[in-house]
Amino acid sequence: MPTRVKRPSILLKLSMTAGLLAFQGYLGYHVVTGAFGIDSQREMLAEITILEARRAALETEIESYEHRIALFDPRRLDPDILTERARALLGLVHPDDIIIVPDDGI
């Protein structure tokens, strides 16, 4: 009994090629617009530069606070700052002080 080899149809090959091309298109689309795609990477880099600038500003502010805290160190206490803060907190004024009261109506 002779056996006949069946040749694959051209429609099967074309449909397989079309399916694979569609899948590659899907993957290519998500490479560009996906959550970690090229567009998102640009946005992340822009956000990184903004956050680095904010971090630098906060580091400057922290250094300022550390300097002010160091001025209150009991071993190196600055008497001018101590009297200034004490008088501001207690509301005390010396007789020879000049007081300037801002006018809130301006």
PDB file of N, CA and C in Angstrom:
ATOM      1  N   MET A   1       0.828  -1.142   0.000  1.00  0.00           N
ATOM      2  CA  MET A   1       0.000   0.000   0.000  1.00  0.00           C
ATOM      3  C   MET A   1       0.896   1.236   0.000  1.00  0.00           C
ATOM      4  N   PRO A   2       0.763   2.007  -1.000  1.00  0.00           N
ATOM      5  CA  PRO A   2       1.613   3.200  -1.089  1.00  0.00           C
ATOM      6  C   PRO A   2       1.122   4.295  -0.131  1.00  0.00           C
ATOM      7  N   THR A   3       2.072   4.981   0.426  1.00  0.00           N
ATOM      8  CA  THR A   3       1.764   6.072   1.344  1.00  0.00           C
ATOM      9  C   THR A   3       2.090   7.387   0.661  1.00  0.00           C
ATOM     10  N   ARG A   4       1.182   8.290   0.788  1.00  0.00           N
ATOM     11  CA  ARG A   4       1.377   9.586   0.169  1.00  0.00           C
ATOM     12  C   ARG A   4       1.756  10.611   1.235  1.00  0.00           C
ATOM     13  N   VAL A   5       2.847  11.339   1.030  1.00  0.00           N
ATOM     14  CA  VAL A   5       3.287  12.354   1.982  1.00  0.00           C
ATOM     15  C   VAL A   5       2.478  13.623   1.733  1.00  0.00           C
ATOM     16  N   LYS A   6       1.908  14.111   2.801  1.00  0.00           N
ATOM     17  CA  LYS A   6       1.072  15.297   2.678  1.00  0.00           C
ATOM     18  C   LYS A   6       1.955  16.530   2.839  1.00  0.00           C
ATOM     19  N   ARG A   7       1.915  17.407   1.862  1.00  0.00           N
ATOM     20  CA  ARG A   7       2.669  18.650   1.942  1.00  0.00           C
ATOM     21  C   ARG A   7       1.875  19.672   2.733  1.00  0.00           C
ATOM     22  N   PRO A   8       2.561  20.421   3.608  1.00  0.00           N
ATOM     23  CA  PRO A   8       1.819  21.440   4.366  1.00  0.00           C
ATOM     24  C   PRO A   8       1.269  22.510   3.431  1.00  0.00           C
ATOM     25  N   SER A   9       0.121  23.001   3.767  1.00  0.00           N
ATOM     26  CA  SER A   9      -0.512  23.983   2.899  1.00  0.00           C
ATOM     27  C   SER A   9       0.160  25.342   3.071  1.00  0.00           C
ATOM     28  N   ILE A  10       0.058  26.167   2.063  1.00  0.00           N
ATOM     29  CA  ILE A  10       0.627  27.508   2.078  1.00  0.00           C
ATOM     30  C   ILE A  10      -0.118  28.407   3.062  1.00  0.00           C
ATOM     31  N   LEU A  11      -1.394  28.147   3.281  1.00  0.00           N
ATOM     32  CA  LEU A  11      -2.183  28.953   4.227  1.00  0.00           C
ATOM     33  C   LEU A  11      -1.690  28.765   5.659  1.00  0.00           C
ATOM     34  N   LEU A  12      -1.263  27.569   6.005  1.00  0.00           N
ATOM     35  CA  LEU A  12      -0.737  27.327   7.340  1.00  0.00           C
ATOM     36  C   LEU A  12       0.558  28.107   7.545  1.00  0.00           C
ATOM     37  N   LYS A  13       1.421  28.121   6.553  1.00  0.00           N
ATOM     38  CA  LYS A  13       2.676  28.862   6.645  1.00  0.00           C
ATOM     39  C   LYS A  13       2.420  30.365   6.737  1.00  0.00           C
ATOM     40  N   LEU A  14       1.504  30.857   5.924  1.00  0.00           N
ATOM     41  CA  LEU A  14       1.189  32.287   5.947  1.00  0.00           C
ATOM     42  C   LEU A  14       0.551  32.710   7.264  1.00  0.00           C
ATOM     43  N   SER A  15      -0.340  31.880   7.777  1.00  0.00           N
ATOM     44  CA  SER A  15      -0.985  32.233   9.049  1.00  0.00           C
ATOM     45  C   SER A  15       0.025  32.187  10.196  1.00  0.00           C
ATOM     46  N   MET A  16       0.953  31.229  10.172  1.00  0.00           N
ATOM     47  CA  MET A  16       1.983  31.162  11.206  1.00  0.00           C
ATOM     48  C   MET A  16       2.892  32.396  11.129  1.00  0.00           C
ATOM     49  N   THR A  17       3.272  32.803   9.922  1.00  0.00           N
ATOM     50  CA  THR A  17       4.106  33.988   9.736  1.00  0.00           C
ATOM     51  C   THR A  17       3.370  35.244  10.208  1.00  0.00           C
ATOM     52  N   ALA A  18       2.094  35.356   9.858  1.00  0.00           N
ATOM     53  CA  ALA A  18       1.307  36.522  10.277  1.00  0.00           C
ATOM     54  C   ALA A  18       1.164  36.559  11.800  1.00  0.00           C
ATOM     55  N   GLY A  19       0.961  35.415  12.424  1.00  0.00           N
ATOM     56  CA  GLY A  19       0.845  35.356  13.881  1.00  0.00           C
ATOM     57  C   GLY A  19       2.140  35.766  14.568  1.00  0.00           C
ATOM     58  N   LEU A  20       3.268  35.270  14.036  1.00  0.00           N
ATOM     59  CA  LEU A  20       4.555  35.630  14.633  1.00  0.00           C
ATOM     60  C   LEU A  20       4.871  37.115  14.440  1.00  0.00           C
ATOM     61  N   LEU A  21       4.513  37.664  13.284  1.00  0.00           N
ATOM     62  CA  LEU A  21       4.726  39.099  13.058  1.00  0.00           C
ATOM     63  C   LEU A  21       3.857  39.942  13.992  1.00  0.00           C
ATOM     64  N   ALA A  22       2.636  39.490  14.213  1.00  0.00           N
ATOM     65  CA  ALA A  22       1.751  40.209  15.133  1.00  0.00           C
ATOM     66  C   ALA A  22       2.317  40.157  16.560  1.00  0.00           C
ATOM     67  N   PHE A  23       2.854  39.014  16.958  1.00  0.00           N
ATOM     68  CA  PHE A  23       3.443  38.886  18.286  1.00  0.00           C
ATOM     69  C   PHE A  23       4.678  39.776  18.435  1.00  0.00           C
ATOM     70  N   GLN A  24       5.497  39.845  17.399  1.00  0.00           N
ATOM     71  CA  GLN A  24       6.657  40.736  17.422  1.00  0.00           C
ATOM     72  C   GLN A  24       6.223  42.199  17.491  1.00  0.00           C
ATOM     73  N   GLY A  25       5.168  42.532  16.790  1.00  0.00           N
ATOM     74  CA  GLY A  25       4.631  43.889  16.871  1.00  0.00           C
ATOM     75  C   GLY A  25       4.146  44.210  18.274  1.00  0.00           C
ATOM     76  N   TYR A  26       3.488  43.246  18.908  1.00  0.00           N
ATOM     77  CA  TYR A  26       3.017  43.415  20.282  1.00  0.00           C
ATOM     78  C   TYR A  26       4.192  43.657  21.217  1.00  0.00           C
ATOM     79  N   LEU A  27       5.228  42.844  21.092  1.00  0.00           N
ATOM     80  CA  LEU A  27       6.413  43.014  21.932  1.00  0.00           C
ATOM     81  C   LEU A  27       7.108  44.343  21.662  1.00  0.00           C
ATOM     82  N   GLY A  28       7.204  44.722  20.407  1.00  0.00           N
ATOM     83  CA  GLY A  28       7.834  46.002  20.052  1.00  0.00           C
ATOM     84  C   GLY A  28       7.064  47.184  20.616  1.00  0.00           C
ATOM     85  N   TYR A  29       5.743  47.106  20.576  1.00  0.00           N
ATOM     86  CA  TYR A  29       4.913  48.172  21.129  1.00  0.00           C
ATOM     87  C   TYR A  29       5.189  48.344  22.622  1.00  0.00           C
ATOM     88  N   HIS A  30       5.284  47.237  23.352  1.00  0.00           N
ATOM     89  CA  HIS A  30       5.509  47.321  24.796  1.00  0.00           C
ATOM     90  C   HIS A  30       6.955  47.667  25.137  1.00  0.00           C
ATOM     91  N   VAL A  31       7.883  47.443  24.227  1.00  0.00           N
ATOM     92  CA  VAL A  31       9.252  47.901  24.462  1.00  0.00           C
ATOM     93  C   VAL A  31       9.277  49.424  24.484  1.00  0.00           C
ATOM     94  N   VAL A  32       8.491  50.046  23.655  1.00  0.00           N
ATOM     95  CA  VAL A  32       8.481  51.505  23.577  1.00  0.00           C
ATOM     96  C   VAL A  32       7.582  52.117  24.647  1.00  0.00           C
ATOM     97  N   THR A  33       6.377  51.604  24.822  1.00  0.00           N
ATOM     98  CA  THR A  33       5.393  52.265  25.691  1.00  0.00           C
ATOM     99  C   THR A  33       5.102  51.519  26.974  1.00  0.00           C
ATOM    100  N   GLY A  34       5.763  50.434  27.264  1.00  0.00           N
ATOM    101  CA  GLY A  34       5.473  49.645  28.456  1.00  0.00           C
ATOM    102  C   GLY A  34       5.892  50.336  29.737  1.00  0.00           C
ATOM    103  N   ALA A  35       5.658  49.665  30.849  1.00  0.00           N
ATOM    104  CA  ALA A  35       5.965  50.236  32.165  1.00  0.00           C
ATOM    105  C   ALA A  35       7.457  50.502  32.327  1.00  0.00           C
ATOM    106  N   PHE A  36       8.288  49.699  31.726  1.00  0.00           N
ATOM    107  CA  PHE A  36       9.728  49.891  31.797  1.00  0.00           C
ATOM    108  C   PHE A  36      10.298  50.121  30.402  1.00  0.00           C
ATOM    109  N   GLY A  37       9.505  50.686  29.516  1.00  0.00           N
ATOM    110  CA  GLY A  37       9.918  50.919  28.139  1.00  0.00           C
ATOM    111  C   GLY A  37      10.753  52.174  27.985  1.00  0.00           C
ATOM    112  N   ILE A  38      10.995  52.520  26.750  1.00  0.00           N
ATOM    113  CA  ILE A  38      11.864  53.649  26.424  1.00  0.00           C
ATOM    114  C   ILE A  38      11.259  54.963  26.915  1.00  0.00           C
ATOM    115  N   ASP A  39       9.965  55.165  26.700  1.00  0.00           N
ATOM    116  CA  ASP A  39       9.313  56.401  27.157  1.00  0.00           C
ATOM    117  C   ASP A  39       9.333  56.508  28.678  1.00  0.00           C
ATOM    118  N   SER A  40       9.057  55.406  29.349  1.00  0.00           N
ATOM    119  CA  SER A  40       9.059  55.421  30.816  1.00  0.00           C
ATOM    120  C   SER A  40      10.457  55.659  31.354  1.00  0.00           C
ATOM    121  N   GLN A  41      11.455  55.159  30.652  1.00  0.00           N
ATOM    122  CA  GLN A  41      12.831  55.362  31.095  1.00  0.00           C
ATOM    123  C   GLN A  41      13.199  56.843  31.049  1.00  0.00           C
ATOM    124  N   ARG A  42      12.753  57.550  30.020  1.00  0.00           N
ATOM    125  CA  ARG A  42      13.010  58.990  29.944  1.00  0.00           C
ATOM    126  C   ARG A  42      12.347  59.721  31.109  1.00  0.00           C
ATOM    127  N   GLU A  43      11.109  59.339  31.413  1.00  0.00           N
ATOM    128  CA  GLU A  43      10.398  59.968  32.528  1.00  0.00           C
ATOM    129  C   GLU A  43      11.100  59.677  33.857  1.00  0.00           C
ATOM    130  N   MET A  44      11.587  58.446  34.009  1.00  0.00           N
ATOM    131  CA  MET A  44      12.287  58.091  35.240  1.00  0.00           C
ATOM    132  C   MET A  44      13.582  58.882  35.380  1.00  0.00           C
ATOM    133  N   LEU A  45      14.311  59.077  34.300  1.00  0.00           N
ATOM    134  CA  LEU A  45      15.550  59.857  34.357  1.00  0.00           C
ATOM    135  C   LEU A  45      15.278  61.308  34.721  1.00  0.00           C
ATOM    136  N   ALA A  46      14.188  61.865  34.185  1.00  0.00           N
ATOM    137  CA  ALA A  46      13.817  63.240  34.536  1.00  0.00           C
ATOM    138  C   ALA A  46      13.444  63.328  36.016  1.00  0.00           C
ATOM    139  N   GLU A  47      12.729  62.331  36.502  1.00  0.00           N
ATOM    140  CA  GLU A  47      12.349  62.314  37.910  1.00  0.00           C
ATOM    141  C   GLU A  47      13.578  62.151  38.806  1.00  0.00           C
ATOM    142  N   ILE A  48      14.560  61.380  38.348  1.00  0.00           N
ATOM    143  CA  ILE A  48      15.793  61.206  39.121  1.00  0.00           C
ATOM    144  C   ILE A  48      16.522  62.532  39.279  1.00  0.00           C
ATOM    145  N   THR A  49      16.597  63.331  38.211  1.00  0.00           N
ATOM    146  CA  THR A  49      17.284  64.623  38.315  1.00  0.00           C
ATOM    147  C   THR A  49      16.547  65.560  39.273  1.00  0.00           C
ATOM    148  N   ILE A  50      15.221  65.539  39.243  1.00  0.00           N
ATOM    149  CA  ILE A  50      14.435  66.369  40.161  1.00  0.00           C
ATOM    150  C   ILE A  50      14.673  65.934  41.604  1.00  0.00           C
ATOM    151  N   LEU A  51      14.664  64.616  41.834  1.00  0.00           N
ATOM    152  CA  LEU A  51      14.863  64.113  43.193  1.00  0.00           C
ATOM    153  C   LEU A  51      16.280  64.364  43.693  1.00  0.00           C
ATOM    154  N   GLU A  52      17.266  64.313  42.803  1.00  0.00           N
ATOM    155  CA  GLU A  52      18.643  64.625  43.224  1.00  0.00           C
ATOM    156  C   GLU A  52      18.769  66.094  43.622  1.00  0.00           C
ATOM    157  N   ALA A  53      18.110  66.976  42.890  1.00  0.00           N
ATOM    158  CA  ALA A  53      18.135  68.400  43.258  1.00  0.00           C
ATOM    159  C   ALA A  53      17.445  68.614  44.601  1.00  0.00           C
ATOM    160  N   ARG A  54      16.330  67.932  44.817  1.00  0.00           N
ATOM    161  CA  ARG A  54      15.618  68.050  46.090  1.00  0.00           C
ATOM    162  C   ARG A  54      16.476  67.501  47.233  1.00  0.00           C
ATOM    163  N   ARG A  55      17.184  66.397  46.964  1.00  0.00           N
ATOM    164  CA  ARG A  55      18.055  65.821  47.979  1.00  0.00           C
ATOM    165  C   ARG A  55      19.175  66.796  48.347  1.00  0.00           C
ATOM    166  N   ALA A  56      19.755  67.462  47.347  1.00  0.00           N
ATOM    167  CA  ALA A  56      20.819  68.430  47.619  1.00  0.00           C
ATOM    168  C   ALA A  56      20.293  69.584  48.474  1.00  0.00           C
ATOM    169  N   ALA A  57      19.087  70.047  48.181  1.00  0.00           N
ATOM    170  CA  ALA A  57      18.492  71.126  48.980  1.00  0.00           C
ATOM    171  C   ALA A  57      18.248  70.670  50.414  1.00  0.00           C
ATOM    172  N   LEU A  58      17.775  69.441  50.571  1.00  0.00           N
ATOM    173  CA  LEU A  58      17.538  68.930  51.917  1.00  0.00           C
ATOM    174  C   LEU A  58      18.841  68.717  52.680  1.00  0.00           C
ATOM    175  N   GLU A  59      19.893  68.288  51.979  1.00  0.00           N
ATOM    176  CA  GLU A  59      21.192  68.135  52.638  1.00  0.00           C
ATOM    177  C   GLU A  59      21.711  69.482  53.129  1.00  0.00           C
ATOM    178  N   THR A  60      21.507  70.532  52.342  1.00  0.00           N
ATOM    179  CA  THR A  60      21.906  71.871  52.767  1.00  0.00           C
ATOM    180  C   THR A  60      21.122  72.299  53.997  1.00  0.00           C
ATOM    181  N   GLU A  61      19.836  72.015  54.001  1.00  0.00           N
ATOM    182  CA  GLU A  61      19.004  72.362  55.154  1.00  0.00           C
ATOM    183  C   GLU A  61      19.427  71.581  56.394  1.00  0.00           C
ATOM    184  N   ILE A  62      19.758  70.304  56.202  1.00  0.00           N
ATOM    185  CA  ILE A  62      20.209  69.483  57.334  1.00  0.00           C
ATOM    186  C   ILE A  62      21.518  70.018  57.892  1.00  0.00           C
ATOM    187  N   GLU A  63      22.440  70.400  57.007  1.00  0.00           N
ATOM    188  CA  GLU A  63      23.703  70.973  57.475  1.00  0.00           C
ATOM    189  C   GLU A  63      23.469  72.264  58.254  1.00  0.00           C
ATOM    190  N   SER A  64      22.504  73.060  57.810  1.00  0.00           N
ATOM    191  CA  SER A  64      22.167  74.290  58.520  1.00  0.00           C
ATOM    192  C   SER A  64      21.654  73.978  59.923  1.00  0.00           C
ATOM    193  N   TYR A  65      20.764  72.991  60.026  1.00  0.00           N
ATOM    194  CA  TYR A  65      20.248  72.603  61.340  1.00  0.00           C
ATOM    195  C   TYR A  65      21.347  72.019  62.224  1.00  0.00           C
ATOM    196  N   GLU A  66      22.229  71.223  61.634  1.00  0.00           N
ATOM    197  CA  GLU A  66      23.326  70.658  62.423  1.00  0.00           C
ATOM    198  C   GLU A  66      24.237  71.755  62.960  1.00  0.00           C
ATOM    199  N   HIS A  67      24.456  72.784  62.154  1.00  0.00           N
ATOM    200  CA  HIS A  67      25.277  73.904  62.612  1.00  0.00           C
ATOM    201  C   HIS A  67      24.603  74.641  63.760  1.00  0.00           C
ATOM    202  N   ARG A  68      23.297  74.867  63.623  1.00  0.00           N
ATOM    203  CA  ARG A  68      22.571  75.559  64.690  1.00  0.00           C
ATOM    204  C   ARG A  68      22.534  74.728  65.965  1.00  0.00           C
ATOM    205  N   ILE A  69      22.414  73.414  65.822  1.00  0.00           N
ATOM    206  CA  ILE A  69      22.400  72.542  66.996  1.00  0.00           C
ATOM    207  C   ILE A  69      23.776  72.537  67.655  1.00  0.00           C
ATOM    208  N   ALA A  70      24.829  72.556  66.838  1.00  0.00           N
ATOM    209  CA  ALA A  70      26.187  72.575  67.388  1.00  0.00           C
ATOM    210  C   ALA A  70      26.449  73.842  68.184  1.00  0.00           C
ATOM    211  N   LEU A  71      25.769  74.923  67.869  1.00  0.00           N
ATOM    212  CA  LEU A  71      25.952  76.164  68.630  1.00  0.00           C
ATOM    213  C   LEU A  71      25.419  76.045  70.056  1.00  0.00           C
ATOM    214  N   PHE A  72      24.512  75.115  70.296  1.00  0.00           N
ATOM    215  CA  PHE A  72      23.957  74.918  71.627  1.00  0.00           C
ATOM    216  C   PHE A  72      24.696  73.844  72.420  1.00  0.00           C
ATOM    217  N   ASP A  73      25.833  73.418  71.943  1.00  0.00           N
ATOM    218  CA  ASP A  73      26.640  72.421  72.647  1.00  0.00           C
ATOM    219  C   ASP A  73      27.122  73.023  73.965  1.00  0.00           C
ATOM    220  N   PRO A  74      26.899  72.356  75.095  1.00  0.00           N
ATOM    221  CA  PRO A  74      27.282  72.941  76.387  1.00  0.00           C
ATOM    222  C   PRO A  74      28.781  73.184  76.521  1.00  0.00           C
ATOM    223  N   ARG A  75      29.597  72.435  75.802  1.00  0.00           N
ATOM    224  CA  ARG A  75      31.039  72.629  75.898  1.00  0.00           C
ATOM    225  C   ARG A  75      31.485  73.874  75.145  1.00  0.00           C
ATOM    226  N   ARG A  76      30.726  74.289  74.102  1.00  0.00           N
ATOM    227  CA  ARG A  76      31.097  75.462  73.298  1.00  0.00           C
ATOM    228  C   ARG A  76      29.902  76.396  73.164  1.00  0.00           C
ATOM    229  N   LEU A  77      29.239  76.689  74.221  1.00  0.00           N
ATOM    230  CA  LEU A  77      28.028  77.489  74.174  1.00  0.00           C
ATOM    231  C   LEU A  77      28.356  78.947  73.887  1.00  0.00           C
ATOM    232  N   ASP A  78      27.683  79.507  72.897  1.00  0.00           N
ATOM    233  CA  ASP A  78      27.879  80.907  72.531  1.00  0.00           C
ATOM    234  C   ASP A  78      26.945  81.759  73.399  1.00  0.00           C
ATOM    235  N   PRO A  79      27.475  82.634  74.222  1.00  0.00           N
ATOM    236  CA  PRO A  79      26.612  83.403  75.133  1.00  0.00           C
ATOM    237  C   PRO A  79      25.652  84.338  74.410  1.00  0.00           C
ATOM    238  N   ASP A  80      26.037  84.852  73.253  1.00  0.00           N
ATOM    239  CA  ASP A  80      25.135  85.744  72.522  1.00  0.00           C
ATOM    240  C   ASP A  80      23.880  84.995  72.065  1.00  0.00           C
ATOM    241  N   ILE A  81      24.080  83.813  71.551  1.00  0.00           N
ATOM    242  CA  ILE A  81      22.928  83.027  71.093  1.00  0.00           C
ATOM    243  C   ILE A  81      22.078  82.612  72.281  1.00  0.00           C
ATOM    244  N   LEU A  82      22.715  82.250  73.375  1.00  0.00           N
ATOM    245  CA  LEU A  82      21.969  81.848  74.561  1.00  0.00           C
ATOM    246  C   LEU A  82      21.097  82.989  75.079  1.00  0.00           C
ATOM    247  N   THR A  83      21.658  84.177  75.187  1.00  0.00           N
ATOM    248  CA  THR A  83      20.858  85.307  75.681  1.00  0.00           C
ATOM    249  C   THR A  83      19.771  85.685  74.682  1.00  0.00           C
ATOM    250  N   GLU A  84      20.094  85.615  73.398  1.00  0.00           N
ATOM    251  CA  GLU A  84      19.089  85.948  72.382  1.00  0.00           C
ATOM    252  C   GLU A  84      17.902  85.005  72.459  1.00  0.00           C
ATOM    253  N   ARG A  85      18.152  83.717  72.549  1.00  0.00           N
ATOM    254  CA  ARG A  85      17.057  82.750  72.613  1.00  0.00           C
ATOM    255  C   ARG A  85      16.287  82.861  73.928  1.00  0.00           C
ATOM    256  N   ALA A  86      17.000  83.061  75.021  1.00  0.00           N
ATOM    257  CA  ALA A  86      16.326  83.173  76.315  1.00  0.00           C
ATOM    258  C   ALA A  86      15.430  84.402  76.355  1.00  0.00           C
ATOM    259  N   ARG A  87      15.921  85.511  75.848  1.00  0.00           N
ATOM    260  CA  ARG A  87      15.116  86.727  75.842  1.00  0.00           C
ATOM    261  C   ARG A  87      13.930  86.596  74.898  1.00  0.00           C
ATOM    262  N   ALA A  88      14.111  85.907  73.788  1.00  0.00           N
ATOM    263  CA  ALA A  88      12.994  85.720  72.854  1.00  0.00           C
ATOM    264  C   ALA A  88      11.927  84.816  73.456  1.00  0.00           C
ATOM    265  N   LEU A  89      12.350  83.756  74.143  1.00  0.00           N
ATOM    266  CA  LEU A  89      11.375  82.847  74.739  1.00  0.00           C
ATOM    267  C   LEU A  89      10.663  83.460  75.942  1.00  0.00           C
ATOM    268  N   LEU A  90      11.381  84.232  76.745  1.00  0.00           N
ATOM    269  CA  LEU A  90      10.794  84.807  77.958  1.00  0.00           C
ATOM    270  C   LEU A  90      10.166  86.175  77.732  1.00  0.00           C
ATOM    271  N   GLY A  91      10.487  86.786  76.597  1.00  0.00           N
ATOM    272  CA  GLY A  91       9.921  88.094  76.304  1.00  0.00           C
ATOM    273  C   GLY A  91      10.549  89.209  77.131  1.00  0.00           C
ATOM    274  N   LEU A  92      11.793  89.055  77.504  1.00  0.00           N
ATOM    275  CA  LEU A  92      12.468  90.063  78.318  1.00  0.00           C
ATOM    276  C   LEU A  92      13.207  91.056  77.435  1.00  0.00           C
ATOM    277  N   VAL A  93      13.263  92.323  77.908  1.00  0.00           N
ATOM    278  CA  VAL A  93      13.943  93.379  77.172  1.00  0.00           C
ATOM    279  C   VAL A  93      14.769  94.183  78.149  1.00  0.00           C
ATOM    280  N   HIS A  94      15.997  94.532  77.749  1.00  0.00           N
ATOM    281  CA  HIS A  94      16.836  95.414  78.558  1.00  0.00           C
ATOM    282  C   HIS A  94      16.401  96.860  78.339  1.00  0.00           C
ATOM    283  N   PRO A  95      16.653  97.731  79.310  1.00  0.00           N
ATOM    284  CA  PRO A  95      16.255  99.137  79.160  1.00  0.00           C
ATOM    285  C   PRO A  95      16.971  99.845  78.010  1.00  0.00           C
ATOM    286  N   ASP A  96      18.149  99.410  77.637  1.00  0.00           N
ATOM    287  CA  ASP A  96      18.867 100.095  76.562  1.00  0.00           C
ATOM    288  C   ASP A  96      18.621  99.462  75.187  1.00  0.00           C
ATOM    289  N   ASP A  97      17.722  98.493  75.089  1.00  0.00           N
ATOM    290  CA  ASP A  97      17.398  97.878  73.804  1.00  0.00           C
ATOM    291  C   ASP A  97      16.479  98.768  72.982  1.00  0.00           C
ATOM    292  N   ILE A  98      16.666  98.730  71.681  1.00  0.00           N
ATOM    293  CA  ILE A  98      15.780  99.448  70.775  1.00  0.00           C
ATOM    294  C   ILE A  98      14.816  98.413  70.201  1.00  0.00           C
ATOM    295  N   ILE A  99      13.536  98.684  70.356  1.00  0.00           N
ATOM    296  CA  ILE A  99      12.520  97.739  69.906  1.00  0.00           C
ATOM    297  C   ILE A  99      11.851  98.315  68.669  1.00  0.00           C
ATOM    298  N   ILE A 100      11.796  97.530  67.632  1.00  0.00           N
ATOM    299  CA  ILE A 100      11.129  97.918  66.391  1.00  0.00           C
ATOM    300  C   ILE A 100       9.926  97.000  66.234  1.00  0.00           C
ATOM    301  N   VAL A 101       8.761  97.588  66.256  1.00  0.00           N
ATOM    302  CA  VAL A 101       7.533  96.808  66.117  1.00  0.00           C
ATOM    303  C   VAL A 101       7.020  96.999  64.692  1.00  0.00           C
ATOM    304  N   PRO A 102       6.908  95.921  63.938  1.00  0.00           N
ATOM    305  CA  PRO A 102       6.396  96.060  62.561  1.00  0.00           C
ATOM    306  C   PRO A 102       4.908  96.388  62.555  1.00  0.00           C
ATOM    307  N   ASP A 103       4.525  97.220  61.627  1.00  0.00           N
ATOM    308  CA  ASP A 103       3.121  97.598  61.504  1.00  0.00           C
ATOM    309  C   ASP A 103       2.438  96.591  60.589  1.00  0.00           C
ATOM    310  N   ASP A 104       1.473  95.869  61.085  1.00  0.00           N
ATOM    311  CA  ASP A 104       0.792  94.845  60.298  1.00  0.00           C
ATOM    312  C   ASP A 104      -0.221  95.438  59.326  1.00  0.00           C
ATOM    313  N   GLY A 105      -0.519  96.706  59.441  1.00  0.00           N
ATOM    314  CA  GLY A 105      -1.493  97.342  58.578  1.00  0.00           C
ATOM    315  C   GLY A 105      -0.977  97.657  57.177  1.00  0.00           C
ATOM    316  N   ILE A 106       0.322  97.497  56.957  1.00  0.00           N
ATOM    317  CA  ILE A 106       0.908  97.849  55.645  1.00  0.00           C
ATOM    318  C   ILE A 106       0.739  96.729  54.675  1.00  0.00           C
TER     319      ILE A 106
END
